[in-house]
Amino acid sequence: MKYQFMEQQRRYHRVEKMARVLEVSRGGYYAWRSRRRSLRARQDERLVAEILYIQEKVAKYRYGSPRIPEELRRRGHSVGHNHGAAPNVVDRDCRPTRVNQVWAGNATSIATAEGWLYLFVIIDLYSRRVIGWAMSKNLGTRTLLQAFWMAVVRRGAPKGLIFHSDRGVRYASVAFRTVLRKKRIIQSMSRKGNSWDNACVESFFKSLKSELIGRVVYESRQAAVQAVFEYIEVFYNRIRLHSTLGYRNPVEYEEEGAKGAA
């Protein structure tokens, strides 16, 4: 998965830097590029396609995380997600006192003429800055990990960092939990049926949809990706004045915090 992230981000980051931050070898990455996709990858793709079919054609996007695995099992798939919940470490505290203290993640859907597009974001709750994000037509752990590795490349993963999310299967998956454990990141999950603990990320999605998307249906997924890129990286992080930050933008807020701590 690290190599997958590097492949998608090599237009924006040097391979040498990503390999160093992600603790992999450049040779291993280039060897991975030359190999064919594994049987497991093809199986995962088929499983994701089945999930999309269930959501789009069967459930009409009415199913949440508990029902999707059960529907897959009814259709003969072996679903091995470890769906145990992590404790709620954040406990409604959306105001950390420094950067890289608490990250929070969530996902939303965006309509396009080519079909749904899913956006995963990771936000530093100190500054409300979007530090990692990824978009895909698949609502799967792979896209979550792409957003996660973007955040790690940009910010590192300091000791004591907390990652907060809801109880979705992607955050409870073996793949994602293994990455958090290797990076020594503390996992935190919202209470069952209680979205308040992740309200900061929901607030971002509300702003995104009211300020950018509205009732727009993008002509293509690529058009939506470009629009979201400009909103996050140009406007939201660097221009938009946030009332919770004393009407400063996230980058400005972090810079002022760093000066105060110096």
C-alpha atoms as a PDB file:
ATOM      1  CA  MET A   1       0.000   0.000   0.000  1.00  0.00           C
ATOM      2  CA  LYS A   2       2.925   2.358   0.606  1.00  0.00           C
ATOM      3  CA  TYR A   3       4.155   1.674  -2.905  1.00  0.00           C
ATOM      4  CA  GLN A   4       0.640   2.301  -4.244  1.00  0.00           C
ATOM      5  CA  PHE A   5       0.628   5.668  -2.499  1.00  0.00           C
ATOM      6  CA  MET A   6       4.087   6.514  -3.858  1.00  0.00           C
ATOM      7  CA  GLU A   7       2.991   5.670  -7.378  1.00  0.00           C
ATOM      8  CA  GLN A   8       0.054   8.063  -7.173  1.00  0.00           C
ATOM      9  CA  GLN A   9       2.008  10.840  -5.482  1.00  0.00           C
ATOM     10  CA  ARG A  10       5.226  10.758  -7.503  1.00  0.00           C
ATOM     11  CA  ARG A  11       4.035  13.761  -9.529  1.00  0.00           C
ATOM     12  CA  TYR A  12       4.022  15.832  -6.354  1.00  0.00           C
ATOM     13  CA  HIS A  13       6.813  14.372  -4.187  1.00  0.00           C
ATOM     14  CA  ARG A  14      10.269  12.980  -4.903  1.00  0.00           C
ATOM     15  CA  VAL A  15      10.525   9.194  -4.671  1.00  0.00           C
ATOM     16  CA  GLU A  16      13.587   9.524  -2.420  1.00  0.00           C
ATOM     17  CA  LYS A  17      11.687  11.657   0.120  1.00  0.00           C
ATOM     18  CA  MET A  18       8.629   9.415   0.155  1.00  0.00           C
ATOM     19  CA  ALA A  19      10.758   6.297   0.555  1.00  0.00           C
ATOM     20  CA  ARG A  20      12.564   7.846   3.505  1.00  0.00           C
ATOM     21  CA  VAL A  21       9.387   9.028   5.271  1.00  0.00           C
ATOM     22  CA  LEU A  22       7.520   5.789   4.631  1.00  0.00           C
ATOM     23  CA  GLU A  23      10.535   3.717   5.636  1.00  0.00           C
ATOM     24  CA  VAL A  24      10.802   1.704   2.430  1.00  0.00           C
ATOM     25  CA  SER A  25      13.599   1.277  -0.105  1.00  0.00           C
ATOM     26  CA  ARG A  26      13.588   2.897  -3.500  1.00  0.00           C
ATOM     27  CA  GLY A  27      14.631  -0.425  -4.970  1.00  0.00           C
ATOM     28  CA  GLY A  28      11.628  -2.117  -3.433  1.00  0.00           C
ATOM     29  CA  TYR A  29       9.320   0.524  -4.883  1.00  0.00           C
ATOM     30  CA  TYR A  30      10.753   0.158  -8.384  1.00  0.00           C
ATOM     31  CA  ALA A  31      10.576  -3.628  -8.115  1.00  0.00           C
ATOM     32  CA  TRP A  32       6.929  -3.326  -7.113  1.00  0.00           C
ATOM     33  CA  ARG A  33       6.223  -1.164 -10.155  1.00  0.00           C
ATOM     34  CA  SER A  34       7.620  -3.822 -12.468  1.00  0.00           C
ATOM     35  CA  ARG A  35       5.569  -6.673 -11.033  1.00  0.00           C
ATOM     36  CA  ARG A  36       2.096  -7.607 -12.104  1.00  0.00           C
ATOM     37  CA  ARG A  37      -0.805  -7.081  -9.725  1.00  0.00           C
ATOM     38  CA  SER A  38      -1.116  -9.814  -7.141  1.00  0.00           C
ATOM     39  CA  LEU A  39      -4.014 -12.222  -6.859  1.00  0.00           C
ATOM     40  CA  ARG A  40      -5.037 -10.473  -3.652  1.00  0.00           C
ATOM     41  CA  ALA A  41      -5.244  -7.114  -5.419  1.00  0.00           C
ATOM     42  CA  ARG A  42      -7.498  -8.566  -8.101  1.00  0.00           C
ATOM     43  CA  GLN A  43      -9.666 -10.150  -5.426  1.00  0.00           C
ATOM     44  CA  ASP A  44      -9.906  -6.824  -3.608  1.00  0.00           C
ATOM     45  CA  GLU A  45     -10.963  -5.089  -6.797  1.00  0.00           C
ATOM     46  CA  ARG A  46     -13.719  -7.636  -7.351  1.00  0.00           C
ATOM     47  CA  LEU A  47     -14.867  -7.186  -3.760  1.00  0.00           C
ATOM     48  CA  VAL A  48     -14.968  -3.399  -4.121  1.00  0.00           C
ATOM     49  CA  ALA A  49     -16.962  -3.770  -7.343  1.00  0.00           C
ATOM     50  CA  GLU A  50     -19.431  -5.987  -5.491  1.00  0.00           C
ATOM     51  CA  ILE A  51     -19.759  -3.408  -2.702  1.00  0.00           C
ATOM     52  CA  LEU A  52     -20.447  -0.665  -5.237  1.00  0.00           C
ATOM     53  CA  TYR A  53     -23.061  -2.854  -6.929  1.00  0.00           C
ATOM     54  CA  ILE A  54     -24.787  -3.502  -3.602  1.00  0.00           C
ATOM     55  CA  GLN A  55     -24.839   0.177  -2.686  1.00  0.00           C
ATOM     56  CA  GLU A  56     -25.885   1.481  -6.107  1.00  0.00           C
ATOM     57  CA  LYS A  57     -28.263  -1.207  -7.371  1.00  0.00           C
ATOM     58  CA  VAL A  58     -29.523  -3.052  -4.290  1.00  0.00           C
ATOM     59  CA  ALA A  59     -29.506  -0.764  -1.265  1.00  0.00           C
ATOM     60  CA  LYS A  60     -29.637   2.606  -3.066  1.00  0.00           C
ATOM     61  CA  TYR A  61     -27.026   3.930  -0.584  1.00  0.00           C
ATOM     62  CA  ARG A  62     -29.220   3.080   2.400  1.00  0.00           C
ATOM     63  CA  TYR A  63     -26.781   0.573   3.925  1.00  0.00           C
ATOM     64  CA  GLY A  64     -24.236   1.561   6.530  1.00  0.00           C
ATOM     65  CA  SER A  65     -21.078  -0.238   7.613  1.00  0.00           C
ATOM     66  CA  PRO A  66     -22.736  -3.120   9.575  1.00  0.00           C
ATOM     67  CA  ARG A  67     -24.999  -4.316   6.713  1.00  0.00           C
ATOM     68  CA  ILE A  68     -22.498  -4.308   3.862  1.00  0.00           C
ATOM     69  CA  PRO A  69     -20.331  -7.158   5.296  1.00  0.00           C
ATOM     70  CA  GLU A  70     -23.463  -9.192   6.056  1.00  0.00           C
ATOM     71  CA  GLU A  71     -24.741  -8.739   2.493  1.00  0.00           C
ATOM     72  CA  LEU A  72     -21.349  -9.779   1.160  1.00  0.00           C
ATOM     73  CA  ARG A  73     -21.410 -12.943   3.279  1.00  0.00           C
ATOM     74  CA  ARG A  74     -24.900 -13.765   1.975  1.00  0.00           C
ATOM     75  CA  ARG A  75     -23.449 -13.565  -1.526  1.00  0.00           C
ATOM     76  CA  GLY A  76     -20.674 -16.017  -0.696  1.00  0.00           C
ATOM     77  CA  HIS A  77     -17.792 -13.647  -0.034  1.00  0.00           C
ATOM     78  CA  SER A  78     -15.347 -14.233   2.782  1.00  0.00           C
ATOM     79  CA  VAL A  79     -15.138 -10.930   4.635  1.00  0.00           C
ATOM     80  CA  GLY A  80     -12.302 -10.845   7.140  1.00  0.00           C
ATOM     81  CA  HIS A  81     -12.586  -7.336   8.609  1.00  0.00           C
ATOM     82  CA  ASN A  82     -11.807  -7.106  12.270  1.00  0.00           C
ATOM     83  CA  HIS A  83     -14.617  -4.744  13.216  1.00  0.00           C
ATOM     84  CA  GLY A  84     -13.807  -4.206  16.859  1.00  0.00           C
ATOM     85  CA  ALA A  85     -14.206  -0.641  18.060  1.00  0.00           C
ATOM     86  CA  ALA A  86     -11.372   1.420  19.482  1.00  0.00           C
ATOM     87  CA  PRO A  87     -12.004   3.473  22.643  1.00  0.00           C
ATOM     88  CA  ASN A  88     -13.076   7.082  22.305  1.00  0.00           C
ATOM     89  CA  VAL A  89      -9.855   8.839  23.286  1.00  0.00           C
ATOM     90  CA  VAL A  90     -10.881  12.239  21.920  1.00  0.00           C
ATOM     91  CA  ASP A  91     -14.213  12.319  23.792  1.00  0.00           C
ATOM     92  CA  ARG A  92     -15.595  15.441  22.063  1.00  0.00           C
ATOM     93  CA  ASP A  93     -12.392  17.456  22.467  1.00  0.00           C
ATOM     94  CA  CYS A  94     -11.983  19.192  19.093  1.00  0.00           C
ATOM     95  CA  ARG A  95      -9.498  21.807  20.368  1.00  0.00           C
ATOM     96  CA  PRO A  96      -6.000  20.354  20.757  1.00  0.00           C
ATOM     97  CA  THR A  97      -3.275  22.741  21.870  1.00  0.00           C
ATOM     98  CA  ARG A  98      -0.701  21.993  19.158  1.00  0.00           C
ATOM     99  CA  VAL A  99      -0.304  20.552  15.679  1.00  0.00           C
ATOM    100  CA  ASN A 100      -0.049  16.788  15.201  1.00  0.00           C
ATOM    101  CA  GLN A 101      -1.839  16.073  18.458  1.00  0.00           C
ATOM    102  CA  VAL A 102      -5.153  14.810  17.030  1.00  0.00           C
ATOM    103  CA  TRP A 103      -5.967  13.943  13.426  1.00  0.00           C
ATOM    104  CA  ALA A 104      -9.510  13.079  12.366  1.00  0.00           C
ATOM    105  CA  GLY A 105     -10.752  11.349   9.234  1.00  0.00           C
ATOM    106  CA  ASN A 106     -14.014  10.795   7.404  1.00  0.00           C
ATOM    107  CA  ALA A 107     -15.434  10.338   3.902  1.00  0.00           C
ATOM    108  CA  THR A 108     -18.209  11.788   1.783  1.00  0.00           C
ATOM    109  CA  SER A 109     -19.662  11.221  -1.689  1.00  0.00           C
ATOM    110  CA  ILE A 110     -19.771  13.618  -4.651  1.00  0.00           C
ATOM    111  CA  ALA A 111     -22.048  13.149  -7.660  1.00  0.00           C
ATOM    112  CA  THR A 112     -20.660  13.211 -11.200  1.00  0.00           C
ATOM    113  CA  ALA A 113     -22.129  12.329 -14.583  1.00  0.00           C
ATOM    114  CA  GLU A 114     -19.800   9.300 -14.619  1.00  0.00           C
ATOM    115  CA  GLY A 115     -21.015   8.050 -11.227  1.00  0.00           C
ATOM    116  CA  TRP A 116     -20.194   8.627  -7.575  1.00  0.00           C
ATOM    117  CA  LEU A 117     -16.814   9.874  -6.426  1.00  0.00           C
ATOM    118  CA  TYR A 118     -15.701   9.406  -2.826  1.00  0.00           C
ATOM    119  CA  LEU A 119     -13.527  11.841  -0.913  1.00  0.00           C
ATOM    120  CA  PHE A 120     -11.515  10.855   2.168  1.00  0.00           C
ATOM    121  CA  VAL A 121      -9.995  13.654   4.223  1.00  0.00           C
ATOM    122  CA  ILE A 122      -7.704  13.805   7.242  1.00  0.00           C
ATOM    123  CA  ILE A 123      -7.781  17.007   9.271  1.00  0.00           C
ATOM    124  CA  ASP A 124      -5.476  18.276  11.987  1.00  0.00           C
ATOM    125  CA  LEU A 125      -7.963  19.315  14.668  1.00  0.00           C
ATOM    126  CA  TYR A 126      -5.642  21.979  16.057  1.00  0.00           C
ATOM    127  CA  SER A 127      -5.841  24.162  12.960  1.00  0.00           C
ATOM    128  CA  ARG A 128      -8.675  22.469  11.022  1.00  0.00           C
ATOM    129  CA  ARG A 129      -6.194  22.111   8.164  1.00  0.00           C
ATOM    130  CA  VAL A 130      -6.781  19.321   5.645  1.00  0.00           C
ATOM    131  CA  ILE A 131      -3.421  17.546   5.686  1.00  0.00           C
ATOM    132  CA  GLY A 132      -4.354  14.433   3.711  1.00  0.00           C
ATOM    133  CA  TRP A 133      -7.013  13.638   1.162  1.00  0.00           C
ATOM    134  CA  ALA A 134      -7.746  11.196  -1.640  1.00  0.00           C
ATOM    135  CA  MET A 135     -10.551  10.632  -4.118  1.00  0.00           C
ATOM    136  CA  SER A 136     -11.692   7.474  -5.873  1.00  0.00           C
ATOM    137  CA  LYS A 137     -14.761   5.820  -7.329  1.00  0.00           C
ATOM    138  CA  ASN A 138     -14.207   3.101  -4.710  1.00  0.00           C
ATOM    139  CA  LEU A 139     -15.172   3.600  -1.075  1.00  0.00           C
ATOM    140  CA  GLY A 140     -12.450   1.342   0.262  1.00  0.00           C
ATOM    141  CA  THR A 141      -9.506   1.100   2.628  1.00  0.00           C
ATOM    142  CA  ARG A 142      -7.086   1.706  -0.234  1.00  0.00           C
ATOM    143  CA  THR A 143      -8.360   5.257  -0.715  1.00  0.00           C
ATOM    144  CA  LEU A 144      -8.300   5.896   3.026  1.00  0.00           C
ATOM    145  CA  LEU A 145      -4.667   4.806   3.144  1.00  0.00           C
ATOM    146  CA  GLN A 146      -3.783   7.101   0.256  1.00  0.00           C
ATOM    147  CA  ALA A 147      -5.143  10.044   2.258  1.00  0.00           C
ATOM    148  CA  PHE A 148      -3.337   8.802   5.361  1.00  0.00           C
ATOM    149  CA  TRP A 149       0.052   8.486   3.663  1.00  0.00           C
ATOM    150  CA  MET A 150      -0.323  11.975   2.210  1.00  0.00           C
ATOM    151  CA  ALA A 151      -0.750  13.276   5.771  1.00  0.00           C
ATOM    152  CA  VAL A 152       2.279  11.297   6.970  1.00  0.00           C
ATOM    153  CA  VAL A 153       4.494  12.535   4.134  1.00  0.00           C
ATOM    154  CA  ARG A 154       3.474  16.111   4.900  1.00  0.00           C
ATOM    155  CA  ARG A 155       3.482  16.015   8.681  1.00  0.00           C
ATOM    156  CA  GLY A 156       5.317  12.943   9.922  1.00  0.00           C
ATOM    157  CA  ALA A 157       3.783  10.840  12.705  1.00  0.00           C
ATOM    158  CA  PRO A 158       5.053  12.128  16.081  1.00  0.00           C
ATOM    159  CA  LYS A 159       4.817  10.142  19.289  1.00  0.00           C
ATOM    160  CA  GLY A 160       1.440  10.412  21.002  1.00  0.00           C
ATOM    161  CA  LEU A 161      -0.503  11.271  17.845  1.00  0.00           C
ATOM    162  CA  ILE A 162      -4.200  10.304  18.003  1.00  0.00           C
ATOM    163  CA  PHE A 163      -6.231   9.355  14.928  1.00  0.00           C
ATOM    164  CA  HIS A 164      -9.996   9.729  15.402  1.00  0.00           C
ATOM    165  CA  SER A 165     -12.813   8.460  13.170  1.00  0.00           C
ATOM    166  CA  ASP A 166     -16.217   6.844  13.219  1.00  0.00           C
ATOM    167  CA  ARG A 167     -16.631   3.062  13.516  1.00  0.00           C
ATOM    168  CA  GLY A 168     -16.689   2.386   9.774  1.00  0.00           C
ATOM    169  CA  VAL A 169     -15.236  -0.857   8.457  1.00  0.00           C
ATOM    170  CA  ARG A 170     -12.394   0.949   6.690  1.00  0.00           C
ATOM    171  CA  TYR A 171     -11.045   2.391   9.957  1.00  0.00           C
ATOM    172  CA  ALA A 172     -11.507  -0.952  11.721  1.00  0.00           C
ATOM    173  CA  SER A 173      -9.877  -2.952   8.923  1.00  0.00           C
ATOM    174  CA  VAL A 174      -6.799  -5.024   9.608  1.00  0.00           C
ATOM    175  CA  ALA A 175      -4.851  -3.086   6.949  1.00  0.00           C
ATOM    176  CA  PHE A 176      -5.494   0.328   8.483  1.00  0.00           C
ATOM    177  CA  ARG A 177      -5.038  -0.779  12.082  1.00  0.00           C
ATOM    178  CA  THR A 178      -1.741  -2.428  11.176  1.00  0.00           C
ATOM    179  CA  VAL A 179      -0.458   0.838   9.715  1.00  0.00           C
ATOM    180  CA  LEU A 180      -1.505   2.790  12.821  1.00  0.00           C
ATOM    181  CA  ARG A 181       0.164   0.248  15.070  1.00  0.00           C
ATOM    182  CA  LYS A 182       3.427   0.318  13.103  1.00  0.00           C
ATOM    183  CA  LYS A 183       3.454   4.115  13.263  1.00  0.00           C
ATOM    184  CA  ARG A 184       2.559   3.983  16.994  1.00  0.00           C
ATOM    185  CA  ILE A 185      -0.505   6.130  16.415  1.00  0.00           C
ATOM    186  CA  ILE A 186      -3.282   5.884  19.005  1.00  0.00           C
ATOM    187  CA  GLN A 187      -6.643   4.998  17.450  1.00  0.00           C
ATOM    188  CA  SER A 188      -9.850   6.611  18.686  1.00  0.00           C
ATOM    189  CA  MET A 189     -13.416   5.997  17.491  1.00  0.00           C
ATOM    190  CA  SER A 190     -16.700   7.803  18.068  1.00  0.00           C
ATOM    191  CA  ARG A 191     -19.374   6.236  20.196  1.00  0.00           C
ATOM    192  CA  LYS A 192     -21.899   4.093  18.381  1.00  0.00           C
ATOM    193  CA  GLY A 193     -24.623   6.234  16.869  1.00  0.00           C
ATOM    194  CA  ASN A 194     -22.968   9.451  18.032  1.00  0.00           C
ATOM    195  CA  SER A 195     -21.469  11.665  15.322  1.00  0.00           C
ATOM    196  CA  TRP A 196     -20.703  14.571  17.653  1.00  0.00           C
ATOM    197  CA  ASP A 197     -17.204  13.295  18.369  1.00  0.00           C
ATOM    198  CA  ASN A 198     -16.292  13.735  14.692  1.00  0.00           C
ATOM    199  CA  ALA A 199     -18.177  17.001  14.229  1.00  0.00           C
ATOM    200  CA  CYS A 200     -15.072  18.903  13.115  1.00  0.00           C
ATOM    201  CA  VAL A 201     -14.720  16.820   9.949  1.00  0.00           C
ATOM    202  CA  GLU A 202     -18.461  16.934   9.319  1.00  0.00           C
ATOM    203  CA  SER A 203     -18.179  20.722   9.511  1.00  0.00           C
ATOM    204  CA  PHE A 204     -15.573  20.615   6.731  1.00  0.00           C
ATOM    205  CA  PHE A 205     -17.883  18.548   4.527  1.00  0.00           C
ATOM    206  CA  LYS A 206     -20.721  20.985   5.188  1.00  0.00           C
ATOM    207  CA  SER A 207     -18.499  23.880   4.070  1.00  0.00           C
ATOM    208  CA  LEU A 208     -17.300  21.952   1.020  1.00  0.00           C
ATOM    209  CA  LYS A 209     -20.819  21.192  -0.148  1.00  0.00           C
ATOM    210  CA  SER A 210     -22.257  24.634   0.559  1.00  0.00           C
ATOM    211  CA  GLU A 211     -19.319  26.675  -0.756  1.00  0.00           C
ATOM    212  CA  LEU A 212     -18.208  24.537  -3.681  1.00  0.00           C
ATOM    213  CA  ILE A 213     -20.566  21.807  -4.766  1.00  0.00           C
ATOM    214  CA  GLY A 214     -24.093  23.027  -4.042  1.00  0.00           C
ATOM    215  CA  ARG A 215     -26.354  21.336  -6.542  1.00  0.00           C
ATOM    216  CA  VAL A 216     -23.621  20.838  -9.132  1.00  0.00           C
ATOM    217  CA  VAL A 217     -23.222  17.458 -10.831  1.00  0.00           C
ATOM    218  CA  TYR A 218     -19.745  17.426 -12.369  1.00  0.00           C
ATOM    219  CA  GLU A 219     -19.392  16.278 -15.968  1.00  0.00           C
ATOM    220  CA  SER A 220     -16.613  13.853 -15.038  1.00  0.00           C
ATOM    221  CA  ARG A 221     -14.807  12.484 -12.015  1.00  0.00           C
ATOM    222  CA  GLN A 222     -11.663  14.303 -13.151  1.00  0.00           C
ATOM    223  CA  ALA A 223     -13.521  17.627 -13.147  1.00  0.00           C
ATOM    224  CA  ALA A 224     -14.654  16.965  -9.587  1.00  0.00           C
ATOM    225  CA  VAL A 225     -11.117  16.045  -8.497  1.00  0.00           C
ATOM    226  CA  GLN A 226      -9.757  19.292  -9.932  1.00  0.00           C
ATOM    227  CA  ALA A 227     -12.454  21.386  -8.242  1.00  0.00           C
ATOM    228  CA  VAL A 228     -11.906  19.713  -4.869  1.00  0.00           C
ATOM    229  CA  PHE A 229      -8.126  20.095  -5.191  1.00  0.00           C
ATOM    230  CA  GLU A 230      -8.462  23.838  -5.729  1.00  0.00           C
ATOM    231  CA  TYR A 231     -10.964  24.172  -2.885  1.00  0.00           C
ATOM    232  CA  ILE A 232      -8.804  22.311  -0.343  1.00  0.00           C
ATOM    233  CA  GLU A 233      -5.269  23.308  -1.266  1.00  0.00           C
ATOM    234  CA  VAL A 234      -5.864  26.857  -2.464  1.00  0.00           C
ATOM    235  CA  PHE A 235      -8.978  28.188  -0.733  1.00  0.00           C
ATOM    236  CA  TYR A 236      -9.806  26.193   2.407  1.00  0.00           C
ATOM    237  CA  ASN A 237      -6.293  25.776   3.835  1.00  0.00           C
ATOM    238  CA  ARG A 238      -4.773  29.095   2.763  1.00  0.00           C
ATOM    239  CA  ILE A 239      -7.524  31.686   2.241  1.00  0.00           C
ATOM    240  CA  ARG A 240     -10.786  30.809   3.980  1.00  0.00           C
ATOM    241  CA  LEU A 241     -11.251  32.610   7.316  1.00  0.00           C
ATOM    242  CA  HIS A 242     -12.403  30.202  10.022  1.00  0.00           C
ATOM    243  CA  SER A 243     -14.502  31.582  12.850  1.00  0.00           C
ATOM    244  CA  THR A 244     -13.195  28.903  15.231  1.00  0.00           C
ATOM    245  CA  LEU A 245      -9.636  30.119  14.520  1.00  0.00           C
ATOM    246  CA  GLY A 246     -10.388  33.761  15.248  1.00  0.00           C
ATOM    247  CA  TYR A 247     -11.032  34.403  11.551  1.00  0.00           C
ATOM    248  CA  ARG A 248      -7.659  33.200  10.363  1.00  0.00           C
ATOM    249  CA  ASN A 249      -6.940  30.523   7.786  1.00  0.00           C
ATOM    250  CA  PRO A 250      -5.433  27.187   8.907  1.00  0.00           C
ATOM    251  CA  VAL A 251      -1.950  27.812   7.486  1.00  0.00           C
ATOM    252  CA  GLU A 252      -1.823  31.240   9.108  1.00  0.00           C
ATOM    253  CA  TYR A 253      -3.063  29.810  12.409  1.00  0.00           C
ATOM    254  CA  GLU A 254      -0.343  27.145  12.435  1.00  0.00           C
ATOM    255  CA  GLU A 255       2.366  29.673  11.588  1.00  0.00           C
ATOM    256  CA  GLU A 256       1.275  31.956  14.421  1.00  0.00           C
ATOM    257  CA  GLY A 257       1.175  29.002  16.809  1.00  0.00           C
ATOM    258  CA  ALA A 258       4.715  28.012  15.819  1.00  0.00           C
ATOM    259  CA  LYS A 259       5.973  31.557  16.447  1.00  0.00           C
ATOM    260  CA  GLY A 260       4.321  31.593  19.852  1.00  0.00           C
ATOM    261  CA  ALA A 261       5.928  28.292  20.800  1.00  0.00           C
ATOM    262  CA  ALA A 262       9.404  29.405  19.664  1.00  0.00           C
END
